[in-house]
Amino acid sequence: MRRKPIIVTLCGSTKFKEEFLKWNRDLTLAGAIVLMPGVFHHSGDPMSETQGVAIRKLHMQKILMSDLIFVVNKDNYIGQATAAEIEMAKTFDIPVIYCYNNTEEDVVTYNKILEELTE
């Protein structure tokens, strides 16, 4: 049995704010600690260029704290920043799961994670 909750970081384009909120809710209710963007610039949240640079660095730190990342890839969309986040996670052997257009391996991993969360 897992002694502490799993830490999941949601990654993806901030234009998918509603999807981020849905996955945050679902994973939180399943018992995960969920980290995600705090500003949704591509959904209209104002942010300066300086703030954007700082927020991207902060998000990379969230990924490094995580047990895994969930990529919110609605319509199979993965932008440059998200691609860089995925590559960084893989470099540090942090599992990557895609929320949409899942592979069979993603589904198996996701189900295993849910089992661990609910034990």
Protein backbone atom coordinates (compact mmCIF):
# COMPACT_ATOMS: atom_id res chain seq x y z
CA MET A 1 0.00 0.00 0.00
CA ARG A 2 1.26 3.46 -0.90
CA ARG A 3 2.12 5.55 2.16
CA LYS A 4 1.80 8.92 0.48
CA PRO A 5 -0.37 10.23 -2.33
CA ILE A 6 1.00 10.16 -5.85
CA ILE A 7 2.02 13.54 -7.25
CA VAL A 8 0.77 14.24 -10.77
CA THR A 9 1.59 17.28 -12.89
CA LEU A 10 -0.81 18.20 -15.66
CA CYS A 11 0.95 19.48 -18.79
CA GLY A 12 -0.42 20.82 -22.05
CA SER A 13 -1.58 23.94 -23.79
CA THR A 14 -3.20 26.44 -21.47
CA LYS A 15 -5.90 26.94 -24.11
CA PHE A 16 -7.46 23.76 -22.65
CA LYS A 17 -8.31 25.31 -19.27
CA GLU A 18 -11.59 23.40 -18.84
CA GLU A 19 -9.87 20.08 -19.51
CA PHE A 20 -7.15 20.92 -16.95
CA LEU A 21 -9.85 21.66 -14.36
CA LYS A 22 -11.67 18.39 -15.16
CA TRP A 23 -8.51 16.28 -14.81
CA ASN A 24 -7.49 18.17 -11.65
CA ARG A 25 -10.87 17.40 -10.11
CA ASP A 26 -10.92 13.73 -11.19
CA LEU A 27 -7.39 12.98 -10.02
CA THR A 28 -7.85 14.89 -6.77
CA LEU A 29 -11.00 12.92 -5.99
CA ALA A 30 -9.04 9.74 -6.73
CA GLY A 31 -6.52 10.77 -4.04
CA ALA A 32 -3.66 12.31 -6.05
CA ILE A 33 -1.85 15.53 -5.34
CA VAL A 34 -2.25 17.47 -8.59
CA LEU A 35 0.09 20.19 -9.78
CA MET A 36 -0.85 22.23 -12.84
CA PRO A 37 -0.43 25.63 -14.42
CA GLY A 38 -1.64 28.46 -12.24
CA VAL A 39 -2.13 30.85 -15.14
CA PHE A 40 -3.95 30.01 -18.38
CA HIS A 41 -2.44 32.58 -20.72
CA HIS A 42 -3.84 31.00 -23.90
CA SER A 43 -7.30 31.04 -22.31
CA GLY A 44 -7.13 34.78 -21.69
CA ASP A 45 -5.32 35.13 -18.35
CA PRO A 46 -3.09 38.22 -18.56
CA MET A 47 0.63 37.70 -18.02
CA SER A 48 3.74 39.71 -18.89
CA GLU A 49 6.64 38.22 -20.83
CA THR A 50 8.77 38.23 -17.65
CA GLN A 51 6.02 36.45 -15.73
CA GLY A 52 5.72 33.92 -18.56
CA VAL A 53 9.40 33.02 -18.34
CA ALA A 54 9.17 32.63 -14.55
CA ILE A 55 6.01 30.53 -14.81
CA ARG A 56 7.55 28.17 -17.37
CA LYS A 57 10.54 27.61 -15.04
CA LEU A 58 8.18 27.03 -12.11
CA HIS A 59 6.19 24.50 -14.13
CA MET A 60 9.39 22.59 -14.95
CA GLN A 61 10.07 22.38 -11.20
CA LYS A 62 6.57 20.97 -10.68
CA ILE A 63 7.36 18.26 -13.22
CA LEU A 64 10.58 17.36 -11.38
CA MET A 65 8.58 16.97 -8.14
CA SER A 66 6.13 14.58 -9.79
CA ASP A 67 5.70 10.84 -9.80
CA LEU A 68 4.23 11.18 -13.30
CA ILE A 69 2.85 13.72 -15.73
CA PHE A 70 -0.50 13.70 -17.49
CA VAL A 71 -0.47 15.44 -20.85
CA VAL A 72 -3.75 17.18 -21.61
CA ASN A 73 -3.53 16.66 -25.37
CA LYS A 74 -7.07 17.45 -26.49
CA ASP A 75 -7.50 16.93 -30.25
CA ASN A 76 -4.03 15.31 -30.11
CA TYR A 77 -2.50 18.80 -29.80
CA ILE A 78 0.98 19.10 -28.31
CA GLY A 79 2.73 22.46 -28.68
CA GLN A 80 6.43 23.28 -28.42
CA ALA A 81 6.40 24.02 -24.69
CA THR A 82 4.51 20.81 -23.90
CA ALA A 83 6.87 18.78 -26.10
CA ALA A 84 9.79 20.20 -24.10
CA GLU A 85 8.05 19.26 -20.83
CA ILE A 86 7.52 15.70 -22.08
CA GLU A 87 11.16 15.38 -23.10
CA MET A 88 12.34 16.69 -19.73
CA ALA A 89 10.09 14.22 -17.89
CA LYS A 90 11.43 11.34 -19.99
CA THR A 91 15.02 12.49 -19.35
CA PHE A 92 14.37 12.15 -15.61
CA ASP A 93 12.46 8.84 -16.01
CA ILE A 94 9.17 10.42 -14.98
CA PRO A 95 6.33 8.45 -16.60
CA VAL A 96 4.23 10.30 -19.17
CA ILE A 97 0.55 9.53 -19.75
CA TYR A 98 -1.57 11.17 -22.43
CA CYS A 99 -5.10 12.08 -21.33
CA TYR A 100 -6.59 11.80 -24.81
CA ASN A 101 -5.83 9.46 -27.70
CA ASN A 102 -4.30 7.04 -25.22
CA THR A 103 -2.21 4.08 -26.19
CA GLU A 104 -3.00 0.71 -24.62
CA GLU A 105 0.07 1.21 -22.42
CA ASP A 106 -1.32 4.57 -21.20
CA VAL A 107 -4.60 2.92 -20.22
CA VAL A 108 -2.83 0.11 -18.33
CA THR A 109 -0.58 2.60 -16.51
CA TYR A 110 -3.51 4.88 -15.69
CA ASN A 111 -5.54 1.95 -14.29
CA LYS A 112 -2.55 0.80 -12.22
CA ILE A 113 -2.19 4.31 -10.80
CA LEU A 114 -5.89 4.45 -9.92
CA GLU A 115 -5.57 1.10 -8.14
CA GLU A 116 -2.63 2.43 -6.09
CA LEU A 117 -4.57 5.60 -5.23
CA THR A 118 -7.61 3.69 -4.02
CA GLU A 119 -5.77 1.04 -1.94
